[in-house]
Amino acid sequence: GVHLKQMVEEFEKELLLEALEKTDWVKNKAAKLLGLNRTTLVEKLKKMNIKRAP
């Protein structure tokens, strides 16, 4: 079946990546765009293992 938690995490990941791409991976700007503190954004990126491709 479909798990809500998994779907929400996927959606959140997509939103984070979209914001980072729009701001050229400037975390302060991406956080502001998402209405988050920079610290919260960084924690979410670590938790989801999101890193900028070299």
Foldseek 3Di string as FASTA:
>chain_A
DDDPVVVVLVVVVVLLVVLCVVVVNPLCRSCVVVVHHSVVSVVSCVVVVPDDDD
